[in-house]
């Protein structure tokens, strides 16, 4: 889990100058802990679906 957070944090630093891609990484860092905390498979799937919908929403809003 720490490795994922490091990658996300580094990506945040690199993309902080680019306003269109910055919010995508902030949502990833917010949703990853929710997925990790739930040990139940159904809950994990729900968390992943949430990230996918956020991704799509952000992608549509930025393009």
PDB file of N, CA and C in Angstrom:
ATOM      1  N   UNK A   1       0.835  -1.211   0.000  1.00  0.00           N
ATOM      2  CA  UNK A   1       0.000   0.000   0.000  1.00  0.00           C
ATOM      3  C   UNK A   1       0.872   1.265   0.000  1.00  0.00           C
ATOM      4  N   UNK A   2       1.961   1.249   0.765  1.00  0.00           N
ATOM      5  CA  UNK A   2       2.829   2.424   0.821  1.00  0.00           C
ATOM      6  C   UNK A   2       3.418   2.739  -0.544  1.00  0.00           C
ATOM      7  N   UNK A   3       3.764   1.690  -1.292  1.00  0.00           N
ATOM      8  CA  UNK A   3       4.347   1.883  -2.618  1.00  0.00           C
ATOM      9  C   UNK A   3       3.366   2.613  -3.535  1.00  0.00           C
ATOM     10  N   UNK A   4       2.086   2.224  -3.456  1.00  0.00           N
ATOM     11  CA  UNK A   4       1.056   2.871  -4.276  1.00  0.00           C
ATOM     12  C   UNK A   4       0.958   4.350  -3.912  1.00  0.00           C
ATOM     13  N   UNK A   5       0.979   4.634  -2.613  1.00  0.00           N
ATOM     14  CA  UNK A   5       0.867   6.026  -2.183  1.00  0.00           C
ATOM     15  C   UNK A   5       2.062   6.845  -2.640  1.00  0.00           C
ATOM     16  N   UNK A   6       3.259   6.232  -2.615  1.00  0.00           N
ATOM     17  CA  UNK A   6       4.458   6.933  -3.084  1.00  0.00           C
ATOM     18  C   UNK A   6       4.330   7.275  -4.560  1.00  0.00           C
ATOM     19  N   UNK A   7       3.846   6.312  -5.352  1.00  0.00           N
ATOM     20  CA  UNK A   7       3.675   6.537  -6.791  1.00  0.00           C
ATOM     21  C   UNK A   7       2.673   7.665  -7.025  1.00  0.00           C
ATOM     22  N   UNK A   8       1.561   7.611  -6.300  1.00  0.00           N
ATOM     23  CA  UNK A   8       0.527   8.639  -6.459  1.00  0.00           C
ATOM     24  C   UNK A   8       1.072  10.001  -6.054  1.00  0.00           C
ATOM     25  N   UNK A   9       1.833  10.035  -4.958  1.00  0.00           N
ATOM     26  CA  UNK A   9       2.379  11.303  -4.467  1.00  0.00           C
ATOM     27  C   UNK A   9       3.370  11.890  -5.468  1.00  0.00           C
ATOM     28  N   UNK A  10       4.243  11.035  -6.019  1.00  0.00           N
ATOM     29  CA  UNK A  10       5.208  11.497  -7.020  1.00  0.00           C
ATOM     30  C   UNK A  10       4.498  12.004  -8.266  1.00  0.00           C
ATOM     31  N   UNK A  11       3.447  11.294  -8.659  1.00  0.00           N
ATOM     32  CA  UNK A  11       2.679  11.721  -9.830  1.00  0.00           C
ATOM     33  C   UNK A  11       2.013  13.070  -9.558  1.00  0.00           C
ATOM     34  N   UNK A  12       1.545  13.253  -8.322  1.00  0.00           N
ATOM     35  CA  UNK A  12       0.937  14.530  -7.940  1.00  0.00           C
ATOM     36  C   UNK A  12       1.948  15.659  -8.090  1.00  0.00           C
ATOM     37  N   UNK A  13       3.164  15.427  -7.604  1.00  0.00           N
ATOM     38  CA  UNK A  13       4.198  16.451  -7.679  1.00  0.00           C
ATOM     39  C   UNK A  13       4.531  16.787  -9.129  1.00  0.00           C
ATOM     40  N   UNK A  14       4.610  15.765  -9.964  1.00  0.00           N
ATOM     41  CA  UNK A  14       4.959  15.978 -11.369  1.00  0.00           C
ATOM     42  C   UNK A  14       3.843  16.694 -12.123  1.00  0.00           C
ATOM     43  N   UNK A  15       2.597  16.386 -11.783  1.00  0.00           N
ATOM     44  CA  UNK A  15       1.469  16.920 -12.544  1.00  0.00           C
ATOM     45  C   UNK A  15       0.791  18.120 -11.880  1.00  0.00           C
ATOM     46  N   UNK A  16       1.408  18.638 -10.805  1.00  0.00           N
ATOM     47  CA  UNK A  16       0.786  19.769 -10.113  1.00  0.00           C
ATOM     48  C   UNK A  16       0.739  21.012 -11.000  1.00  0.00           C
ATOM     49  N   UNK A  17       1.645  21.096 -11.986  1.00  0.00           N
ATOM     50  CA  UNK A  17       1.631  22.234 -12.912  1.00  0.00           C
ATOM     51  C   UNK A  17       0.516  22.106 -13.946  1.00  0.00           C
ATOM     52  N   UNK A  18       0.090  20.868 -14.196  1.00  0.00           N
ATOM     53  CA  UNK A  18      -0.954  20.629 -15.192  1.00  0.00           C
ATOM     54  C   UNK A  18      -2.307  20.493 -14.487  1.00  0.00           C
ATOM     55  N   UNK A  19      -3.176  21.489 -14.568  1.00  0.00           N
ATOM     56  CA  UNK A  19      -4.429  21.464 -13.797  1.00  0.00           C
ATOM     57  C   UNK A  19      -5.437  20.409 -14.257  1.00  0.00           C
ATOM     58  N   UNK A  20      -5.336  19.950 -15.520  1.00  0.00           N
ATOM     59  CA  UNK A  20      -6.336  19.004 -16.020  1.00  0.00           C
ATOM     60  C   UNK A  20      -6.123  17.607 -15.460  1.00  0.00           C
ATOM     61  N   UNK A  21      -4.868  17.193 -15.282  1.00  0.00           N
ATOM     62  CA  UNK A  21      -4.606  15.830 -14.824  1.00  0.00           C
ATOM     63  C   UNK A  21      -4.421  15.753 -13.309  1.00  0.00           C
ATOM     64  N   UNK A  22      -4.274  16.899 -12.642  1.00  0.00           N
ATOM     65  CA  UNK A  22      -4.052  16.900 -11.193  1.00  0.00           C
ATOM     66  C   UNK A  22      -5.219  16.310 -10.395  1.00  0.00           C
ATOM     67  N   UNK A  23      -6.486  16.691 -10.654  1.00  0.00           N
ATOM     68  CA  UNK A  23      -7.590  16.154  -9.844  1.00  0.00           C
ATOM     69  C   UNK A  23      -7.771  14.648  -9.955  1.00  0.00           C
ATOM     70  N   UNK A  24      -7.333  14.076 -11.075  1.00  0.00           N
ATOM     71  CA  UNK A  24      -7.465  12.629 -11.253  1.00  0.00           C
ATOM     72  C   UNK A  24      -6.671  11.905 -10.175  1.00  0.00           C
ATOM     73  N   UNK A  25      -5.432  12.365  -9.931  1.00  0.00           N
ATOM     74  CA  UNK A  25      -4.581  11.698  -8.954  1.00  0.00           C
ATOM     75  C   UNK A  25      -5.054  11.947  -7.529  1.00  0.00           C
ATOM     76  N   UNK A  26      -5.651  13.109  -7.274  1.00  0.00           N
ATOM     77  CA  UNK A  26      -6.167  13.371  -5.929  1.00  0.00           C
ATOM     78  C   UNK A  26      -7.344  12.449  -5.619  1.00  0.00           C
ATOM     79  N   UNK A  27      -8.152  12.106  -6.639  1.00  0.00           N
ATOM     80  CA  UNK A  27      -9.266  11.189  -6.396  1.00  0.00           C
ATOM     81  C   UNK A  27      -8.753   9.771  -6.193  1.00  0.00           C
ATOM     82  N   UNK A  28      -7.687   9.392  -6.902  1.00  0.00           N
ATOM     83  CA  UNK A  28      -7.123   8.050  -6.725  1.00  0.00           C
ATOM     84  C   UNK A  28      -6.655   7.893  -5.280  1.00  0.00           C
ATOM     85  N   UNK A  29      -5.914   8.876  -4.772  1.00  0.00           N
ATOM     86  CA  UNK A  29      -5.374   8.775  -3.420  1.00  0.00           C
ATOM     87  C   UNK A  29      -6.491   8.758  -2.384  1.00  0.00           C
ATOM     88  N   UNK A  30      -7.642   9.361  -2.717  1.00  0.00           N
ATOM     89  CA  UNK A  30      -8.759   9.352  -1.772  1.00  0.00           C
ATOM     90  C   UNK A  30      -9.502   8.023  -1.782  1.00  0.00           C
ATOM     91  N   UNK A  31      -9.573   7.359  -2.932  1.00  0.00           N
ATOM     92  CA  UNK A  31     -10.374   6.141  -3.025  1.00  0.00           C
ATOM     93  C   UNK A  31      -9.583   4.873  -2.721  1.00  0.00           C
ATOM     94  N   UNK A  32      -8.262   4.877  -2.905  1.00  0.00           N
ATOM     95  CA  UNK A  32      -7.458   3.673  -2.651  1.00  0.00           C
ATOM     96  C   UNK A  32      -7.595   3.177  -1.202  1.00  0.00           C
ATOM     97  N   UNK A  33      -7.506   4.048  -0.178  1.00  0.00           N
ATOM     98  CA  UNK A  33      -7.633   3.542   1.196  1.00  0.00           C
ATOM     99  C   UNK A  33      -8.956   2.826   1.461  1.00  0.00           C
ATOM    100  N   UNK A  34     -10.051   3.319   0.874  1.00  0.00           N
ATOM    101  CA  UNK A  34     -11.363   2.691   1.064  1.00  0.00           C
ATOM    102  C   UNK A  34     -11.348   1.260   0.532  1.00  0.00           C
ATOM    103  N   UNK A  35     -10.710   1.060  -0.623  1.00  0.00           N
ATOM    104  CA  UNK A  35     -10.646  -0.271  -1.228  1.00  0.00           C
ATOM    105  C   UNK A  35      -9.793  -1.183  -0.358  1.00  0.00           C
ATOM    106  N   UNK A  36      -8.667  -0.669   0.147  1.00  0.00           N
ATOM    107  CA  UNK A  36      -7.731  -1.476   0.926  1.00  0.00           C
ATOM    108  C   UNK A  36      -8.275  -1.893   2.287  1.00  0.00           C
ATOM    109  N   UNK A  37      -9.039  -1.007   2.916  1.00  0.00           N
ATOM    110  CA  UNK A  37      -9.544  -1.288   4.264  1.00  0.00           C
ATOM    111  C   UNK A  37     -10.559  -2.424   4.272  1.00  0.00           C
ATOM    112  N   UNK A  38     -11.371  -2.509   3.225  1.00  0.00           N
ATOM    113  CA  UNK A  38     -12.421  -3.529   3.183  1.00  0.00           C
ATOM    114  C   UNK A  38     -11.841  -4.870   2.752  1.00  0.00           C
ATOM    115  N   UNK A  39     -11.951  -5.866   3.613  1.00  0.00           N
ATOM    116  CA  UNK A  39     -11.436  -7.198   3.291  1.00  0.00           C
ATOM    117  C   UNK A  39     -12.464  -8.012   2.512  1.00  0.00           C
ATOM    118  N   UNK A  40     -13.717  -7.574   2.567  1.00  0.00           N
ATOM    119  CA  UNK A  40     -14.789  -8.282   1.876  1.00  0.00           C
ATOM    120  C   UNK A  40     -14.666  -8.052   0.369  1.00  0.00           C
ATOM    121  N   UNK A  41     -14.799  -9.117  -0.419  1.00  0.00           N
ATOM    122  CA  UNK A  41     -14.610  -8.997  -1.868  1.00  0.00           C
ATOM    123  C   UNK A  41     -15.663  -8.094  -2.497  1.00  0.00           C
ATOM    124  N   UNK A  42     -16.901  -8.189  -2.033  1.00  0.00           N
ATOM    125  CA  UNK A  42     -17.970  -7.365  -2.594  1.00  0.00           C
ATOM    126  C   UNK A  42     -17.674  -5.885  -2.367  1.00  0.00           C
ATOM    127  N   UNK A  43     -17.194  -5.566  -1.173  1.00  0.00           N
ATOM    128  CA  UNK A  43     -16.884  -4.177  -0.858  1.00  0.00           C
ATOM    129  C   UNK A  43     -15.717  -3.683  -1.705  1.00  0.00           C
ATOM    130  N   UNK A  44     -14.742  -4.550  -1.946  1.00  0.00           N
ATOM    131  CA  UNK A  44     -13.604  -4.170  -2.787  1.00  0.00           C
ATOM    132  C   UNK A  44     -14.075  -3.824  -4.188  1.00  0.00           C
ATOM    133  N   UNK A  45     -14.977  -4.634  -4.724  1.00  0.00           N
ATOM    134  CA  UNK A  45     -15.499  -4.386  -6.068  1.00  0.00           C
ATOM    135  C   UNK A  45     -16.210  -3.040  -6.113  1.00  0.00           C
ATOM    136  N   UNK A  46     -16.995  -2.761  -5.080  1.00  0.00           N
ATOM    137  CA  UNK A  46     -17.715  -1.492  -5.030  1.00  0.00           C
ATOM    138  C   UNK A  46     -16.742  -0.322  -5.071  1.00  0.00           C
ATOM    139  N   UNK A  47     -15.662  -0.442  -4.303  1.00  0.00           N
ATOM    140  CA  UNK A  47     -14.656   0.621  -4.264  1.00  0.00           C
ATOM    141  C   UNK A  47     -14.023   0.849  -5.618  1.00  0.00           C
ATOM    142  N   UNK A  48     -13.728  -0.253  -6.321  1.00  0.00           N
ATOM    143  CA  UNK A  48     -13.116  -0.142  -7.645  1.00  0.00           C
ATOM    144  C   UNK A  48     -14.085   0.488  -8.638  1.00  0.00           C
ATOM    145  N   UNK A  49     -15.357   0.118  -8.536  1.00  0.00           N
ATOM    146  CA  UNK A  49     -16.359   0.698  -9.433  1.00  0.00           C
ATOM    147  C   UNK A  49     -16.473   2.203  -9.212  1.00  0.00           C
ATOM    148  N   UNK A  50     -16.382   2.608  -7.945  1.00  0.00           N
ATOM    149  CA  UNK A  50     -16.443   4.038  -7.635  1.00  0.00           C
ATOM    150  C   UNK A  50     -15.298   4.776  -8.317  1.00  0.00           C
ATOM    151  N   UNK A  51     -14.090   4.211  -8.231  1.00  0.00           N
ATOM    152  CA  UNK A  51     -12.938   4.871  -8.857  1.00  0.00           C
ATOM    153  C   UNK A  51     -13.123   4.956 -10.362  1.00  0.00           C
ATOM    154  N   UNK A  52     -13.662   3.904 -10.966  1.00  0.00           N
ATOM    155  CA  UNK A  52     -13.866   3.910 -12.416  1.00  0.00           C
ATOM    156  C   UNK A  52     -14.863   4.988 -12.827  1.00  0.00           C
ATOM    157  N   UNK A  53     -15.944   5.127 -12.062  1.00  0.00           N
ATOM    158  CA  UNK A  53     -16.942   6.141 -12.416  1.00  0.00           C
ATOM    159  C   UNK A  53     -16.366   7.542 -12.231  1.00  0.00           C
ATOM    160  N   UNK A  54     -15.561   7.731 -11.177  1.00  0.00           N
ATOM    161  CA  UNK A  54     -14.921   9.034 -10.957  1.00  0.00           C
ATOM    162  C   UNK A  54     -13.971   9.334 -12.112  1.00  0.00           C
ATOM    163  N   UNK A  55     -13.212   8.309 -12.518  1.00  0.00           N
ATOM    164  CA  UNK A  55     -12.298   8.449 -13.652  1.00  0.00           C
ATOM    165  C   UNK A  55     -13.049   8.932 -14.887  1.00  0.00           C
ATOM    166  N   UNK A  56     -14.152   8.245 -15.206  1.00  0.00           N
ATOM    167  CA  UNK A  56     -14.924   8.584 -16.398  1.00  0.00           C
ATOM    168  C   UNK A  56     -15.487   9.996 -16.304  1.00  0.00           C
ATOM    169  N   UNK A  57     -15.984  10.341 -15.113  1.00  0.00           N
ATOM    170  CA  UNK A  57     -16.566  11.663 -14.924  1.00  0.00           C
ATOM    171  C   UNK A  57     -15.505  12.745 -15.124  1.00  0.00           C
ATOM    172  N   UNK A  58     -14.309  12.519 -14.535  1.00  0.00           N
ATOM    173  CA  UNK A  58     -13.228  13.490 -14.670  1.00  0.00           C
ATOM    174  C   UNK A  58     -12.736  13.562 -16.106  1.00  0.00           C
ATOM    175  N   UNK A  59     -12.632  12.402 -16.745  1.00  0.00           N
ATOM    176  CA  UNK A  59     -12.139  12.367 -18.119  1.00  0.00           C
ATOM    177  C   UNK A  59     -13.076  13.139 -19.046  1.00  0.00           C
ATOM    178  N   UNK A  60     -14.381  12.952 -18.836  1.00  0.00           N
ATOM    179  CA  UNK A  60     -15.365  13.653 -19.665  1.00  0.00           C
ATOM    180  C   UNK A  60     -15.333  15.152 -19.395  1.00  0.00           C
ATOM    181  N   UNK A  61     -15.113  15.535 -18.137  1.00  0.00           N
ATOM    182  CA  UNK A  61     -15.107  16.962 -17.800  1.00  0.00           C
ATOM    183  C   UNK A  61     -13.848  17.661 -18.308  1.00  0.00           C
ATOM    184  N   UNK A  62     -12.729  16.938 -18.380  1.00  0.00           N
ATOM    185  CA  UNK A  62     -11.476  17.570 -18.808  1.00  0.00           C
ATOM    186  C   UNK A  62     -11.374  17.668 -20.325  1.00  0.00           C
ATOM    187  N   UNK A  63     -11.987  16.727 -21.047  1.00  0.00           N
ATOM    188  CA  UNK A  63     -11.865  16.760 -22.513  1.00  0.00           C
ATOM    189  C   UNK A  63     -12.965  17.612 -23.132  1.00  0.00           C
TER     190      UNK A  63
END
